[in-house]
C-alpha atoms as a PDB file:
ATOM      1  CA  MET A   1       0.000   0.000   0.000  1.00  0.00           C
ATOM      2  CA  SER A   2       1.418   3.398  -0.992  1.00  0.00           C
ATOM      3  CA  LEU A   3       1.822   6.250   1.456  1.00  0.00           C
ATOM      4  CA  GLY A   4      -0.945   8.110  -0.370  1.00  0.00           C
ATOM      5  CA  GLN A   5      -3.311   5.171   0.023  1.00  0.00           C
ATOM      6  CA  GLU A   6      -2.561   5.329   3.752  1.00  0.00           C
ATOM      7  CA  GLY A   7      -3.517   9.012   3.740  1.00  0.00           C
ATOM      8  CA  LYS A   8       0.075  10.252   3.981  1.00  0.00           C
ATOM      9  CA  ILE A   9       2.137  12.454   1.658  1.00  0.00           C
ATOM     10  CA  CYS A  10       5.932  12.614   1.837  1.00  0.00           C
ATOM     11  CA  ILE A  11       7.614  15.990   1.348  1.00  0.00           C
ATOM     12  CA  GLU A  12      11.059  15.905  -0.262  1.00  0.00           C
ATOM     13  CA  VAL A  13      13.052  19.135  -0.265  1.00  0.00           C
ATOM     14  CA  ALA A  14      15.801  20.332  -2.613  1.00  0.00           C
ATOM     15  CA  PRO A  15      17.467  23.392  -1.055  1.00  0.00           C
ATOM     16  CA  ASN A  16      20.111  24.275  -3.654  1.00  0.00           C
ATOM     17  CA  GLU A  17      20.528  22.185  -6.845  1.00  0.00           C
ATOM     18  CA  LEU A  18      22.058  24.379  -9.607  1.00  0.00           C
ATOM     19  CA  ILE A  19      20.756  27.720  -8.334  1.00  0.00           C
ATOM     20  CA  SER A  20      22.899  30.770  -7.601  1.00  0.00           C
ATOM     21  CA  LYS A  21      22.463  33.187  -4.715  1.00  0.00           C
ATOM     22  CA  LYS A  22      22.014  35.822  -7.429  1.00  0.00           C
ATOM     23  CA  VAL A  23      18.624  34.249  -8.152  1.00  0.00           C
ATOM     24  CA  ASN A  24      17.688  33.773  -4.494  1.00  0.00           C
ATOM     25  CA  PRO A  25      20.077  34.852  -1.712  1.00  0.00           C
ATOM     26  CA  ASN A  26      18.757  32.092   0.555  1.00  0.00           C
ATOM     27  CA  VAL A  27      20.274  29.302  -1.570  1.00  0.00           C
ATOM     28  CA  PRO A  28      22.745  27.441   0.677  1.00  0.00           C
ATOM     29  CA  TYR A  29      26.170  26.466  -0.625  1.00  0.00           C
ATOM     30  CA  LEU A  30      28.485  25.204   2.111  1.00  0.00           C
ATOM     31  CA  PRO A  31      27.565  22.682   4.826  1.00  0.00           C
ATOM     32  CA  SER A  32      27.429  25.555   7.337  1.00  0.00           C
ATOM     33  CA  GLU A  33      24.452  26.886   5.338  1.00  0.00           C
ATOM     34  CA  ILE A  34      22.966  23.533   4.303  1.00  0.00           C
ATOM     35  CA  ILE A  35      22.741  22.191   7.867  1.00  0.00           C
ATOM     36  CA  PRO A  36      20.503  24.850   9.483  1.00  0.00           C
ATOM     37  CA  GLU A  37      18.247  25.071   6.427  1.00  0.00           C
ATOM     38  CA  VAL A  38      17.699  21.307   6.254  1.00  0.00           C
ATOM     39  CA  VAL A  39      17.051  21.174  10.007  1.00  0.00           C
ATOM     40  CA  ALA A  40      14.445  23.940   9.570  1.00  0.00           C
ATOM     41  CA  CYS A  41      12.878  22.007   6.676  1.00  0.00           C
ATOM     42  CA  ALA A  42      12.690  18.852   8.794  1.00  0.00           C
ATOM     43  CA  ARG A  43      10.917  20.771  11.541  1.00  0.00           C
ATOM     44  CA  GLU A  44       8.332  21.961   9.006  1.00  0.00           C
ATOM     45  CA  GLY A  45       7.630  18.427   7.795  1.00  0.00           C
ATOM     46  CA  ALA A  46      10.249  17.413   5.220  1.00  0.00           C
ATOM     47  CA  ALA A  47      11.026  13.698   5.450  1.00  0.00           C
ATOM     48  CA  VAL A  48      13.565  13.501   2.611  1.00  0.00           C
ATOM     49  CA  VAL A  49      16.300  15.919   1.540  1.00  0.00           C
ATOM     50  CA  HIS A  50      18.464  15.967  -1.586  1.00  0.00           C
ATOM     51  CA  TRP A  51      21.204  18.525  -2.160  1.00  0.00           C
ATOM     52  CA  HIS A  52      24.308  19.290  -4.191  1.00  0.00           C
ATOM     53  CA  ALA A  53      27.713  19.770  -2.625  1.00  0.00           C
ATOM     54  CA  ARG A  54      28.823  23.303  -3.510  1.00  0.00           C
ATOM     55  CA  ASN A  55      31.982  25.374  -3.109  1.00  0.00           C
ATOM     56  CA  ALA A  56      32.024  28.709  -1.286  1.00  0.00           C
ATOM     57  CA  ASP A  57      31.646  30.565  -4.593  1.00  0.00           C
ATOM     58  CA  GLY A  58      28.654  28.428  -5.572  1.00  0.00           C
ATOM     59  CA  ARG A  59      30.447  26.173  -8.049  1.00  0.00           C
ATOM     60  CA  GLN A  60      29.229  22.580  -8.075  1.00  0.00           C
ATOM     61  CA  ALA A  61      31.315  20.084  -6.106  1.00  0.00           C
ATOM     62  CA  TRP A  62      29.250  17.208  -7.438  1.00  0.00           C
ATOM     63  CA  ASN A  63      31.108  14.212  -6.018  1.00  0.00           C
ATOM     64  CA  ASP A  64      32.887  15.785  -3.048  1.00  0.00           C
ATOM     65  CA  GLU A  65      32.621  13.174  -0.309  1.00  0.00           C
ATOM     66  CA  ILE A  66      34.115  15.505   2.320  1.00  0.00           C
ATOM     67  CA  LEU A  67      31.479  18.220   1.815  1.00  0.00           C
ATOM     68  CA  TYR A  68      28.638  15.695   1.815  1.00  0.00           C
ATOM     69  CA  ARG A  69      29.985  14.018   4.957  1.00  0.00           C
ATOM     70  CA  GLU A  70      30.203  17.327   6.834  1.00  0.00           C
ATOM     71  CA  ALA A  71      26.627  18.232   5.918  1.00  0.00           C
ATOM     72  CA  ILE A  72      25.226  14.785   6.725  1.00  0.00           C
ATOM     73  CA  GLU A  73      26.880  14.685  10.143  1.00  0.00           C
ATOM     74  CA  GLY A  74      25.682  18.187  10.994  1.00  0.00           C
ATOM     75  CA  ILE A  75      22.101  17.477   9.922  1.00  0.00           C
ATOM     76  CA  ALA A  76      22.025  14.178  11.822  1.00  0.00           C
ATOM     77  CA  ARG A  77      22.950  15.938  15.060  1.00  0.00           C
ATOM     78  CA  ASP A  78      19.777  18.032  15.043  1.00  0.00           C
ATOM     79  CA  ALA A  79      17.202  16.361  12.759  1.00  0.00           C
ATOM     80  CA  ASP A  80      15.870  13.014  11.630  1.00  0.00           C
ATOM     81  CA  VAL A  81      15.513  13.090   7.858  1.00  0.00           C
ATOM     82  CA  VAL A  82      16.301  10.713   4.983  1.00  0.00           C
ATOM     83  CA  MET A  83      19.276  12.226   3.118  1.00  0.00           C
ATOM     84  CA  TYR A  84      20.846  11.548  -0.245  1.00  0.00           C
ATOM     85  CA  PRO A  85      23.423  13.444  -2.348  1.00  0.00           C
ATOM     86  CA  SER A  86      23.680  14.351  -6.013  1.00  0.00           C
ATOM     87  CA  TYR A  87      26.276  13.228  -8.578  1.00  0.00           C
ATOM     88  CA  PHE A  88      27.558  13.939 -12.089  1.00  0.00           C
ATOM     89  CA  HIS A  89      28.659  11.871 -15.089  1.00  0.00           C
ATOM     90  CA  ALA A  90      27.069   8.790 -13.509  1.00  0.00           C
ATOM     91  CA  ASP A  91      29.835   8.771 -10.863  1.00  0.00           C
ATOM     92  CA  LEU A  92      28.645   7.482  -7.477  1.00  0.00           C
ATOM     93  CA  SER A  93      32.111   6.988  -5.979  1.00  0.00           C
ATOM     94  CA  HIS A  94      31.324   9.449  -3.167  1.00  0.00           C
ATOM     95  CA  VAL A  95      28.181   7.475  -2.295  1.00  0.00           C
ATOM     96  CA  TRP A  96      30.182   4.257  -2.090  1.00  0.00           C
ATOM     97  CA  GLY A  97      32.729   6.089   0.089  1.00  0.00           C
ATOM     98  CA  LEU A  98      29.983   7.260   2.452  1.00  0.00           C
ATOM     99  CA  CYS A  99      28.763   3.667   2.682  1.00  0.00           C
ATOM    100  CA  ASP A 100      32.232   2.246   3.357  1.00  0.00           C
ATOM    101  CA  ASN A 101      32.991   4.904   5.985  1.00  0.00           C
ATOM    102  CA  PRO A 102      29.576   6.049   7.299  1.00  0.00           C
ATOM    103  CA  PRO A 103      29.182   9.607   8.572  1.00  0.00           C
ATOM    104  CA  LYS A 104      28.926   9.950  12.337  1.00  0.00           C
ATOM    105  CA  GLY A 105      25.360   9.569  13.540  1.00  0.00           C
ATOM    106  CA  ALA A 106      23.941   8.626  10.144  1.00  0.00           C
ATOM    107  CA  VAL A 107      23.511   5.639   7.838  1.00  0.00           C
ATOM    108  CA  MET A 108      23.404   5.892   4.059  1.00  0.00           C
ATOM    109  CA  GLU A 109      19.927   4.790   3.001  1.00  0.00           C
ATOM    110  CA  VAL A 110      19.315   6.185  -0.489  1.00  0.00           C
ATOM    111  CA  ALA A 111      21.394   6.638  -3.644  1.00  0.00           C
ATOM    112  CA  PRO A 112      20.532   8.861  -6.626  1.00  0.00           C
ATOM    113  CA  PHE A 113      19.924   7.369 -10.072  1.00  0.00           C
ATOM    114  CA  ASP A 114      19.065   9.261 -13.269  1.00  0.00           C
ATOM    115  CA  VAL A 115      17.616   7.095 -16.048  1.00  0.00           C
ATOM    116  CA  PHE A 116      18.966   9.204 -18.923  1.00  0.00           C
ATOM    117  CA  GLN A 117      22.357  10.001 -17.381  1.00  0.00           C
ATOM    118  CA  HIS A 118      23.060   6.344 -16.658  1.00  0.00           C
ATOM    119  CA  LEU A 119      21.448   4.740 -19.682  1.00  0.00           C
ATOM    120  CA  GLY A 120      20.811   7.199 -22.498  1.00  0.00           C
ATOM    121  CA  ARG A 121      17.945   5.854 -24.596  1.00  0.00           C
ATOM    122  CA  THR A 122      17.118   2.151 -24.637  1.00  0.00           C
ATOM    123  CA  MET A 123      14.617  -0.018 -26.489  1.00  0.00           C
ATOM    124  CA  LEU A 124      11.997  -2.639 -25.773  1.00  0.00           C
ATOM    125  CA  ASP A 125      12.266  -5.715 -27.983  1.00  0.00           C
ATOM    126  CA  ALA A 126       8.680  -6.049 -29.215  1.00  0.00           C
ATOM    127  CA  ARG A 127       9.196  -9.736 -30.010  1.00  0.00           C
ATOM    128  CA  THR A 128      10.433 -10.809 -26.590  1.00  0.00           C
ATOM    129  CA  GLY A 129       9.147  -8.040 -24.332  1.00  0.00           C
ATOM    130  CA  GLN A 130      12.692  -7.616 -22.980  1.00  0.00           C
ATOM    131  CA  LEU A 131      14.767  -4.451 -22.591  1.00  0.00           C
ATOM    132  CA  ARG A 132      17.566  -3.999 -25.116  1.00  0.00           C
ATOM    133  CA  SER A 133      20.765  -1.949 -25.002  1.00  0.00           C
ATOM    134  CA  ARG A 134      20.880   1.547 -26.481  1.00  0.00           C
ATOM    135  CA  PRO A 135      20.135   1.703 -30.229  1.00  0.00           C
ATOM    136  CA  PHE A 136      22.000   4.936 -31.015  1.00  0.00           C
ATOM    137  CA  GLY A 137      25.088   5.011 -28.782  1.00  0.00           C
ATOM    138  CA  GLY A 138      25.504   8.135 -26.667  1.00  0.00           C
ATOM    139  CA  VAL A 139      25.887   8.134 -22.896  1.00  0.00           C
ATOM    140  CA  PRO A 140      27.023   6.243 -20.977  1.00  0.00           C
ATOM    141  CA  ALA A 141      30.041   4.880 -22.810  1.00  0.00           C
ATOM    142  CA  ALA A 142      30.134   1.547 -21.004  1.00  0.00           C
ATOM    143  CA  GLU A 143      27.564  -1.016 -22.061  1.00  0.00           C
ATOM    144  CA  GLY A 144      25.383  -2.072 -19.123  1.00  0.00           C
ATOM    145  CA  GLN A 145      26.707   0.681 -16.863  1.00  0.00           C
ATOM    146  CA  GLY A 146      23.254   1.732 -15.716  1.00  0.00           C
ATOM    147  CA  THR A 147      22.088  -1.684 -14.564  1.00  0.00           C
ATOM    148  CA  GLU A 148      25.497  -2.378 -12.995  1.00  0.00           C
ATOM    149  CA  VAL A 149      25.017   0.738 -10.867  1.00  0.00           C
ATOM    150  CA  LEU A 150      21.590  -0.526  -9.827  1.00  0.00           C
ATOM    151  CA  ASP A 151      23.204  -3.857  -8.906  1.00  0.00           C
ATOM    152  CA  GLU A 152      25.752  -2.037  -6.741  1.00  0.00           C
ATOM    153  CA  ILE A 153      23.042   0.061  -5.081  1.00  0.00           C
ATOM    154  CA  ARG A 154      21.185  -3.127  -4.223  1.00  0.00           C
ATOM    155  CA  ARG A 155      24.340  -4.911  -3.037  1.00  0.00           C
ATOM    156  CA  ARG A 156      25.054  -2.106  -0.597  1.00  0.00           C
ATOM    157  CA  GLY A 157      21.543  -2.218   0.841  1.00  0.00           C
ATOM    158  CA  LEU A 158      20.577   1.192  -0.536  1.00  0.00           C
ATOM    159  CA  LYS A 159      17.363   2.324  -2.195  1.00  0.00           C
ATOM    160  CA  ALA A 160      17.600   4.066  -5.556  1.00  0.00           C
ATOM    161  CA  SER A 161      15.844   7.411  -5.822  1.00  0.00           C
ATOM    162  CA  VAL A 162      15.245   7.449  -9.562  1.00  0.00           C
ATOM    163  CA  ALA A 163      14.867  10.721 -11.462  1.00  0.00           C
ATOM    164  CA  THR A 164      12.681  10.700 -14.595  1.00  0.00           C
ATOM    165  CA  TYR A 165      12.281  13.640 -16.969  1.00  0.00           C
ATOM    166  CA  GLU A 166      10.523  12.089 -19.951  1.00  0.00           C
ATOM    167  CA  ILE A 167       7.769   9.532 -20.521  1.00  0.00           C
ATOM    168  CA  GLY A 168      10.424   7.192 -21.910  1.00  0.00           C
ATOM    169  CA  ASP A 169      12.289   7.323 -18.594  1.00  0.00           C
ATOM    170  CA  ILE A 170       9.132   6.221 -16.797  1.00  0.00           C
ATOM    171  CA  ARG A 171       8.569   3.417 -19.301  1.00  0.00           C
ATOM    172  CA  TRP A 172      12.128   2.124 -18.887  1.00  0.00           C
ATOM    173  CA  LEU A 173      11.912   2.221 -15.106  1.00  0.00           C
ATOM    174  CA  TYR A 174       8.628   0.341 -15.056  1.00  0.00           C
ATOM    175  CA  LEU A 175      10.001  -2.356 -17.370  1.00  0.00           C
ATOM    176  CA  ALA A 176      13.240  -2.575 -15.367  1.00  0.00           C
ATOM    177  CA  ALA A 177      11.234  -3.130 -12.187  1.00  0.00           C
ATOM    178  CA  ARG A 178       9.094  -5.732 -13.917  1.00  0.00           C
ATOM    179  CA  GLU A 179      12.263  -7.572 -14.969  1.00  0.00           C
ATOM    180  CA  GLY A 180      13.677  -7.381 -11.450  1.00  0.00           C
ATOM    181  CA  LEU A 181      16.510  -4.973 -12.294  1.00  0.00           C
ATOM    182  CA  ILE A 182      15.351  -2.648  -9.513  1.00  0.00           C
ATOM    183  CA  ASP A 183      13.562  -3.557  -6.314  1.00  0.00           C
ATOM    184  CA  GLN A 184       9.954  -2.734  -5.553  1.00  0.00           C
ATOM    185  CA  PRO A 185       8.537  -0.506  -4.301  1.00  0.00           C
ATOM    186  CA  VAL A 186      10.285   1.692  -6.848  1.00  0.00           C
ATOM    187  CA  ASN A 187      11.164   5.183  -5.605  1.00  0.00           C
ATOM    188  CA  VAL A 188      10.238   7.371  -8.597  1.00  0.00           C
ATOM    189  CA  LYS A 189      10.712  11.132  -9.000  1.00  0.00           C
ATOM    190  CA  ILE A 190       8.792  12.689 -11.906  1.00  0.00           C
ATOM    191  CA  PHE A 191      10.020  16.133 -12.957  1.00  0.00           C
ATOM    192  CA  LEU A 192       8.412  18.785 -15.154  1.00  0.00           C
ATOM    193  CA  SER A 193       9.491  22.317 -16.029  1.00  0.00           C
ATOM    194  CA  ASP A 194       8.342  25.541 -17.645  1.00  0.00           C
ATOM    195  CA  GLN A 195      11.920  26.661 -18.431  1.00  0.00           C
ATOM    196  CA  MET A 196      13.876  23.458 -19.030  1.00  0.00           C
ATOM    197  CA  LEU A 197      12.641  21.751 -22.180  1.00  0.00           C
ATOM    198  CA  ILE A 198      11.842  18.366 -20.726  1.00  0.00           C
ATOM    199  CA  GLY A 199       8.580  16.471 -20.944  1.00  0.00           C
ATOM    200  CA  PRO A 200       5.310  18.099 -22.046  1.00  0.00           C
ATOM    201  CA  PHE A 201       4.174  21.658 -21.467  1.00  0.00           C
ATOM    202  CA  PRO A 202       3.238  21.444 -17.755  1.00  0.00           C
ATOM    203  CA  THR A 203      -0.511  21.972 -18.061  1.00  0.00           C
ATOM    204  CA  ASP A 204      -2.877  20.348 -15.579  1.00  0.00           C
ATOM    205  CA  GLU A 205      -3.883  17.788 -18.191  1.00  0.00           C
ATOM    206  CA  ALA A 206      -0.271  16.956 -19.044  1.00  0.00           C
ATOM    207  CA  ILE A 207       0.756  16.617 -15.399  1.00  0.00           C
ATOM    208  CA  GLU A 208      -2.115  14.234 -14.707  1.00  0.00           C
ATOM    209  CA  PHE A 209      -1.279  12.279 -17.881  1.00  0.00           C
ATOM    210  CA  VAL A 210       2.365  11.882 -16.888  1.00  0.00           C
ATOM    211  CA  LEU A 211       1.349  10.606 -13.455  1.00  0.00           C
ATOM    212  CA  SER A 212      -1.020   8.142 -15.108  1.00  0.00           C
ATOM    213  CA  GLN A 213       1.842   6.565 -17.065  1.00  0.00           C
ATOM    214  CA  TRP A 214       3.015   4.451 -14.135  1.00  0.00           C
ATOM    215  CA  PRO A 215       1.150   1.122 -14.494  1.00  0.00           C
ATOM    216  CA  SER A 216      -0.477  -0.144 -11.318  1.00  0.00           C
ATOM    217  CA  ASP A 217       0.973  -3.680 -11.465  1.00  0.00           C
ATOM    218  CA  VAL A 218       4.435  -2.526 -10.310  1.00  0.00           C
ATOM    219  CA  ASP A 219       4.598  -1.169  -6.759  1.00  0.00           C
ATOM    220  CA  ALA A 220       5.985   2.364  -6.562  1.00  0.00           C
ATOM    221  CA  GLU A 221       6.136   5.566  -4.578  1.00  0.00           C
ATOM    222  CA  LEU A 222       5.758   8.481  -6.994  1.00  0.00           C
ATOM    223  CA  THR A 223       7.050  11.958  -6.174  1.00  0.00           C
ATOM    224  CA  LEU A 224       6.090  14.938  -8.344  1.00  0.00           C
ATOM    225  CA  GLY A 225       8.433  17.906  -8.607  1.00  0.00           C
ATOM    226  CA  GLY A 226       9.653  20.703 -10.820  1.00  0.00           C
ATOM    227  CA  VAL A 227      12.967  21.728 -12.359  1.00  0.00           C
ATOM    228  CA  LEU A 228      14.078  25.365 -12.712  1.00  0.00           C
ATOM    229  CA  LEU A 229      10.512  26.594 -12.252  1.00  0.00           C
ATOM    230  CA  TYR A 230       9.786  30.230 -13.096  1.00  0.00           C
ATOM    231  CA  ASP A 231       6.021  30.480 -12.578  1.00  0.00           C
ATOM    232  CA  PRO A 232       4.931  30.526  -8.894  1.00  0.00           C
ATOM    233  CA  VAL A 233       1.426  29.451  -9.875  1.00  0.00           C
ATOM    234  CA  LEU A 234       2.829  26.349 -11.584  1.00  0.00           C
ATOM    235  CA  ALA A 235       5.133  25.628  -8.625  1.00  0.00           C
ATOM    236  CA  GLU A 236       2.164  25.503  -6.252  1.00  0.00           C
ATOM    237  CA  ARG A 237      -0.024  23.696  -8.785  1.00  0.00           C
ATOM    238  CA  LEU A 238       2.468  20.849  -8.944  1.00  0.00           C
ATOM    239  CA  VAL A 239       2.083  20.472  -5.189  1.00  0.00           C
ATOM    240  CA  THR A 240      -1.712  20.615  -5.234  1.00  0.00           C
ATOM    241  CA  ILE A 241      -2.032  18.142  -8.115  1.00  0.00           C
ATOM    242  CA  ALA A 242       0.327  15.745  -6.351  1.00  0.00           C
ATOM    243  CA  ILE A 243      -1.813  15.960  -3.226  1.00  0.00           C
ATOM    244  CA  GLU A 244      -5.007  15.494  -5.247  1.00  0.00           C
ATOM    245  CA  GLN A 245      -3.480  12.411  -6.897  1.00  0.00           C
ATOM    246  CA  LYS A 246      -2.130  11.216  -3.524  1.00  0.00           C
ATOM    247  CA  VAL A 247       1.490  11.107  -4.629  1.00  0.00           C
ATOM    248  CA  ASN A 248       4.459  12.631  -2.839  1.00  0.00           C
ATOM    249  CA  VAL A 249       5.684  16.191  -3.399  1.00  0.00           C
ATOM    250  CA  ARG A 250       9.069  17.773  -3.904  1.00  0.00           C
ATOM    251  CA  VAL A 251       9.642  21.450  -3.127  1.00  0.00           C
ATOM    252  CA  GLY A 252      12.570  23.751  -2.395  1.00  0.00           C
ATOM    253  CA  ILE A 253      14.246  26.804  -3.836  1.00  0.00           C
ATOM    254  CA  GLY A 254      16.707  24.512  -5.581  1.00  0.00           C
ATOM    255  CA  ASP A 255      13.799  23.682  -7.903  1.00  0.00           C
ATOM    256  CA  SER A 256      11.855  26.960  -7.884  1.00  0.00           C
ATOM    257  CA  ALA A 257      14.134  29.891  -6.979  1.00  0.00           C
ATOM    258  CA  TRP A 258      12.876  32.000  -9.908  1.00  0.00           C
ATOM    259  CA  ALA A 259       9.308  31.357  -8.825  1.00  0.00           C
ATOM    260  CA  HIS A 260      10.161  32.205  -5.209  1.00  0.00           C
ATOM    261  CA  PRO A 261      13.115  34.652  -5.329  1.00  0.00           C
ATOM    262  CA  THR A 262      12.924  35.656  -1.646  1.00  0.00           C
ATOM    263  CA  ALA A 263      11.605  32.464  -0.012  1.00  0.00           C
ATOM    264  CA  THR A 264      13.479  29.859   1.963  1.00  0.00           C
ATOM    265  CA  SER A 265      13.086  26.143   1.352  1.00  0.00           C
ATOM    266  CA  SER A 266      11.695  25.703   4.865  1.00  0.00           C
ATOM    267  CA  GLU A 267       8.919  28.182   4.013  1.00  0.00           C
ATOM    268  CA  LEU A 268       8.031  26.119   0.938  1.00  0.00           C
ATOM    269  CA  VAL A 269       7.989  22.950   3.050  1.00  0.00           C
ATOM    270  CA  ALA A 270       5.687  24.677   5.543  1.00  0.00           C
ATOM    271  CA  ARG A 271       3.341  25.654   2.706  1.00  0.00           C
ATOM    272  CA  ALA A 272       3.274  22.088   1.376  1.00  0.00           C
ATOM    273  CA  SER A 273       2.534  20.794   4.889  1.00  0.00           C
ATOM    274  CA  GLU A 274      -0.350  23.251   5.129  1.00  0.00           C
ATOM    275  CA  LEU A 275      -1.817  22.131   1.799  1.00  0.00           C
ATOM    276  CA  ILE A 276      -1.533  18.465   2.800  1.00  0.00           C
ATOM    277  CA  SER A 277      -3.339  19.113   6.071  1.00  0.00           C
ATOM    278  CA  ARG A 278      -6.062  21.134   4.305  1.00  0.00           C
ATOM    279  CA  ALA A 279      -6.679  18.127   2.070  1.00  0.00           C
ATOM    280  CA  GLY A 280      -7.354  16.002   5.143  1.00  0.00           C
ATOM    281  CA  LEU A 281      -4.116  14.040   4.743  1.00  0.00           C
ATOM    282  CA  MET A 282      -1.086  13.573   6.988  1.00  0.00           C
ATOM    283  CA  VAL A 283       2.496  14.622   6.361  1.00  0.00           C
ATOM    284  CA  ALA A 284       4.584  11.455   6.186  1.00  0.00           C
ATOM    285  CA  THR A 285       7.373  11.138   8.723  1.00  0.00           C
ATOM    286  CA  PRO A 286      10.886   9.837   8.008  1.00  0.00           C
ATOM    287  CA  GLU A 287       9.894   6.601   9.735  1.00  0.00           C
ATOM    288  CA  ASP A 288       6.869   6.298   7.437  1.00  0.00           C
ATOM    289  CA  VAL A 289       9.200   6.653   4.455  1.00  0.00           C
ATOM    290  CA  ARG A 290      11.757   4.207   5.826  1.00  0.00           C
ATOM    291  CA  GLY A 291       9.111   1.588   6.495  1.00  0.00           C
ATOM    292  CA  ARG A 292       7.422   1.975   3.135  1.00  0.00           C
ATOM    293  CA  LEU A 293      10.630   1.951   1.075  1.00  0.00           C
ATOM    294  CA  LYS A 294      12.270  -0.749   3.237  1.00  0.00           C
ATOM    295  CA  LEU A 295      15.294   1.424   3.912  1.00  0.00           C
ATOM    296  CA  ALA A 296      18.296   0.130   5.788  1.00  0.00           C
ATOM    297  CA  ALA A 297      17.570   2.254   8.873  1.00  0.00           C
ATOM    298  CA  GLY A 298      13.898   1.369   9.064  1.00  0.00           C
ATOM    299  CA  PRO A 299      11.659  -1.678   9.499  1.00  0.00           C
ATOM    300  CA  ALA A 300      10.339  -3.639   6.547  1.00  0.00           C
ATOM    301  CA  SER A 301       6.821  -2.722   5.445  1.00  0.00           C
ATOM    302  CA  ASP A 302       4.193  -4.466   3.324  1.00  0.00           C
END
């Protein structure tokens, strides 16, 4: 049973992503800024947090294990929240390092996975119903790299948080789960944007259609979010549609700094919590998420 079917909605927060302080001065870069903002988000109801390691000048430090470790340890001292880092060029070496040498007070539970970045475009063999390797080359260079990463995530007892940006990403993920390449329940993030040219134009009808593309015979937790959002009306509409459809929500100025140029991520989490409560639903706790997704730090759940 999904969290939504239990009357609960998980809030994931993205406090920085690719955004500069020039767009919103509240975007955190260093762990000293990440820690208090994530703690504030947790207090407002965020159960999951995803962020990018950044240098003091805002440059991305994608795979910097030291910066991630410092932030994770600081957050764990003051808040209970499921945390996972970002990555670039399909390199998860920093995640493996954090597993091999766990941060103080925290256990790695989730690893990021991007369908396109790891796999490029793949095909379904219509004769056999099986997934095939990429038909046109492209990224990644190594054949089978994507599924090998999923194997390593599973071997280490982690849960993949899978980012999808196109309908084809959702189709691949569903088929991969059906073939047993990724464990159920699948942890799916569905992203739309008004500025980044991914997916359909984010109308109400298109958003509902995209959500409908996950077939019901494969168990999943769906999270709806935005990328580089400019329109504040759209940013809130993504949250309200997710709640109406009883799927999880992702907010944060890392995703919507243009839409909210003076807000903090904790304020956006508080707004999402308010909308969930108004709908007569509950905000999912980190323990709810751990149980549902069968995370390493939580009990197994049906």
